[in-house]
Amino acid sequence: MFPQLKMTASGGTSTDSLKDLLDSDFGVWNLAGNIVQSILTGGQLLAEKRVREEQESQALAALQSTVLQGFLEVELALEADQYLAERQTALEDATALSREAYIASLADYRDGVGDILTVLAAQSRALQFSGQLISIRRLRLDNRVNLHLALGGDFKPNHPKP
């Protein structure tokens, strides 16, 4: 980036002393040409430096964006797990109550005080809540996998070696 000073003459001679610079046969024009060349290409070198600095700035911005995205994914997965856990608890209670209602409606039908439509409706609700409970458990497992990945985990299975 900085100009280089080369002490060579056009005839191929070089010098170790400054007194030769005053000699007219030494080749001062060649020396001046080397200095000018570095000065003229200095603008190009500065432009390349600016390009590299801009590339570094863009890479840093991309890294910061990736880190922030990772934090966002972890935060969302943790919030989703809390919500899904509350939903699972509610569905477990609803499933238990709907099974009890089905069993009670079935007992009433056998005793002759209830009708088959009530039994079928109670059975349908019990099956719906059971299906929703299975779905919410699967969603929680999916969410845990997503949290594991957001925290930097991988998909490698931990099988014991034979």
Protein backbone atom coordinates (compact mmCIF):
# COMPACT_ATOMS: atom_id res chain seq x y z
CA MET A 1 0.00 0.00 0.00
CA PHE A 2 2.91 2.35 0.67
CA PRO A 3 5.36 3.38 -2.08
CA GLN A 4 8.48 1.31 -2.39
CA LEU A 5 11.85 2.85 -3.01
CA LYS A 6 14.07 0.66 -5.20
CA MET A 7 17.71 1.63 -5.64
CA THR A 8 18.46 0.13 -9.04
CA ALA A 9 19.75 1.77 -12.17
CA SER A 10 18.59 1.12 -15.68
CA GLY A 11 21.87 -0.62 -16.42
CA GLY A 12 21.23 -3.19 -13.76
CA THR A 13 23.60 -1.80 -11.19
CA SER A 14 22.68 -1.26 -7.58
CA THR A 15 24.24 0.83 -4.90
CA ASP A 16 24.72 0.73 -1.17
CA SER A 17 25.65 4.36 -0.77
CA LEU A 18 23.77 7.58 -1.27
CA LYS A 19 26.66 9.27 -3.13
CA ASP A 20 25.79 7.27 -6.22
CA LEU A 21 22.42 9.01 -6.40
CA LEU A 22 24.16 12.16 -7.59
CA ASP A 23 25.92 10.35 -10.39
CA SER A 24 24.18 11.01 -13.72
CA ASP A 25 24.77 7.44 -14.92
CA PHE A 26 22.98 5.95 -11.97
CA GLY A 27 19.48 5.98 -13.44
CA VAL A 28 17.45 8.42 -11.42
CA TRP A 29 14.55 8.16 -13.87
CA ASN A 30 14.14 4.51 -13.08
CA LEU A 31 14.13 5.35 -9.38
CA ALA A 32 11.50 8.05 -9.86
CA GLY A 33 9.42 5.68 -12.00
CA ASN A 34 9.21 3.16 -9.17
CA ILE A 35 8.03 5.80 -6.71
CA VAL A 36 5.40 7.18 -9.11
CA GLN A 37 4.10 3.70 -9.87
CA SER A 38 3.30 3.07 -6.21
CA ILE A 39 1.70 6.49 -5.85
CA LEU A 40 -0.50 6.00 -8.92
CA THR A 41 -1.69 2.58 -7.79
CA GLY A 42 -2.31 3.85 -4.25
CA GLY A 43 -5.90 4.76 -5.15
CA GLN A 44 -6.52 1.23 -6.32
CA LEU A 45 -5.01 -0.13 -3.12
CA LEU A 46 -7.19 2.16 -1.01
CA ALA A 47 -10.26 1.06 -2.97
CA GLU A 48 -9.37 -2.60 -2.37
CA LYS A 49 -8.92 -1.83 1.32
CA ARG A 50 -12.36 -0.20 1.45
CA VAL A 51 -13.89 -3.21 -0.33
CA ARG A 52 -12.31 -5.59 2.20
CA GLU A 53 -13.50 -3.44 5.10
CA GLU A 54 -17.02 -3.40 3.64
CA GLN A 55 -16.94 -7.19 3.20
CA GLU A 56 -15.84 -7.55 6.81
CA SER A 57 -18.65 -5.24 7.91
CA GLN A 58 -21.20 -7.27 5.92
CA ALA A 59 -19.88 -10.53 7.38
CA LEU A 60 -20.17 -9.10 10.89
CA ALA A 61 -23.73 -7.95 10.20
CA ALA A 62 -24.61 -11.43 8.88
CA LEU A 63 -23.12 -13.01 11.99
CA GLN A 64 -25.08 -10.70 14.27
CA SER A 65 -28.25 -11.46 12.34
CA THR A 66 -27.63 -15.20 12.67
CA VAL A 67 -27.01 -14.91 16.42
CA LEU A 68 -30.16 -12.84 16.91
CA GLN A 69 -32.16 -15.34 14.84
CA GLY A 70 -30.83 -18.14 17.07
CA PHE A 71 -31.87 -16.27 20.21
CA LEU A 72 -35.31 -15.70 18.70
CA GLU A 73 -35.72 -19.39 17.87
CA VAL A 74 -34.74 -20.42 21.40
CA GLU A 75 -37.08 -17.87 22.96
CA LEU A 76 -39.99 -18.95 20.74
CA ALA A 77 -39.37 -22.62 21.48
CA LEU A 78 -39.31 -21.98 25.23
CA GLU A 79 -42.53 -19.96 25.08
CA ALA A 80 -44.18 -22.59 22.89
CA ASP A 81 -43.17 -25.33 25.33
CA GLN A 82 -44.75 -23.44 28.21
CA TYR A 83 -47.97 -22.91 26.25
CA LEU A 84 -48.06 -26.53 25.04
CA ALA A 85 -47.45 -27.84 28.57
CA GLU A 86 -50.44 -25.84 29.85
CA ARG A 87 -52.54 -27.02 26.93
CA GLN A 88 -51.49 -30.64 27.54
CA THR A 89 -52.48 -30.43 31.20
CA ALA A 90 -55.89 -29.02 30.26
CA LEU A 91 -56.39 -31.74 27.63
CA GLU A 92 -55.39 -34.47 30.08
CA ASP A 93 -58.05 -33.19 32.48
CA ALA A 94 -60.65 -32.90 29.70
CA THR A 95 -59.81 -36.38 28.43
CA ALA A 96 -60.19 -37.88 31.89
CA LEU A 97 -63.51 -36.11 32.44
CA SER A 98 -64.83 -37.10 29.00
CA ARG A 99 -63.94 -40.75 29.67
CA GLU A 100 -65.75 -40.58 32.99
CA ALA A 101 -68.75 -39.02 31.22
CA TYR A 102 -68.68 -41.79 28.61
CA ILE A 103 -68.51 -44.49 31.28
CA ALA A 104 -71.36 -42.83 33.21
CA SER A 105 -73.50 -42.48 30.06
CA LEU A 106 -72.82 -46.11 29.19
CA ALA A 107 -73.86 -47.17 32.72
CA ASP A 108 -77.03 -45.06 32.46
CA TYR A 109 -77.84 -46.70 29.11
CA ARG A 110 -77.36 -50.19 30.58
CA ASP A 111 -79.57 -49.26 33.52
CA GLY A 112 -82.25 -48.02 31.14
CA VAL A 113 -82.18 -44.36 32.21
CA GLY A 114 -80.14 -43.02 29.29
CA ASP A 115 -80.31 -43.20 25.52
CA ILE A 116 -77.82 -44.36 22.92
CA LEU A 117 -77.35 -40.87 21.45
CA THR A 118 -75.97 -39.63 24.77
CA VAL A 119 -73.59 -42.58 24.88
CA LEU A 120 -72.43 -41.95 21.31
CA ALA A 121 -71.96 -38.20 21.92
CA ALA A 122 -69.95 -38.88 25.10
CA GLN A 123 -67.86 -41.47 23.29
CA SER A 124 -67.23 -39.03 20.43
CA ARG A 125 -66.09 -36.29 22.85
CA ALA A 126 -63.80 -38.75 24.66
CA LEU A 127 -62.25 -39.80 21.35
CA GLN A 128 -61.84 -36.17 20.24
CA PHE A 129 -60.08 -35.19 23.47
CA SER A 130 -57.88 -38.29 23.28
CA GLY A 131 -56.90 -37.40 19.72
CA GLN A 132 -56.16 -33.81 20.70
CA LEU A 133 -54.05 -35.02 23.62
CA ILE A 134 -52.01 -37.23 21.30
CA SER A 135 -51.56 -34.29 18.90
CA ILE A 136 -50.43 -31.91 21.65
CA ARG A 137 -47.91 -34.49 22.92
CA ARG A 138 -46.51 -34.80 19.41
CA LEU A 139 -46.32 -31.00 19.11
CA ARG A 140 -44.41 -30.82 22.40
CA LEU A 141 -41.95 -33.44 21.15
CA ASP A 142 -41.52 -31.54 17.86
CA ASN A 143 -40.99 -28.34 19.82
CA ARG A 144 -38.33 -30.00 21.97
CA VAL A 145 -36.50 -31.14 18.87
CA ASN A 146 -36.66 -27.58 17.52
CA LEU A 147 -35.34 -26.25 20.84
CA HIS A 148 -32.53 -28.80 20.76
CA LEU A 149 -31.59 -27.69 17.25
CA ALA A 150 -31.85 -23.98 18.13
CA LEU A 151 -29.43 -24.56 20.99
CA GLY A 152 -26.92 -26.08 18.57
CA GLY A 153 -27.79 -29.76 18.82
CA ASP A 154 -27.76 -32.18 15.91
CA PHE A 155 -29.67 -35.21 14.64
CA LYS A 156 -27.01 -37.81 15.42
CA PRO A 157 -28.56 -40.76 17.26
CA ASN A 158 -26.79 -41.91 20.40
CA HIS A 159 -26.63 -45.62 19.69
CA PRO A 160 -24.28 -47.66 21.87
CA LYS A 161 -21.36 -49.15 20.01
CA PRO A 162 -21.37 -52.96 19.72
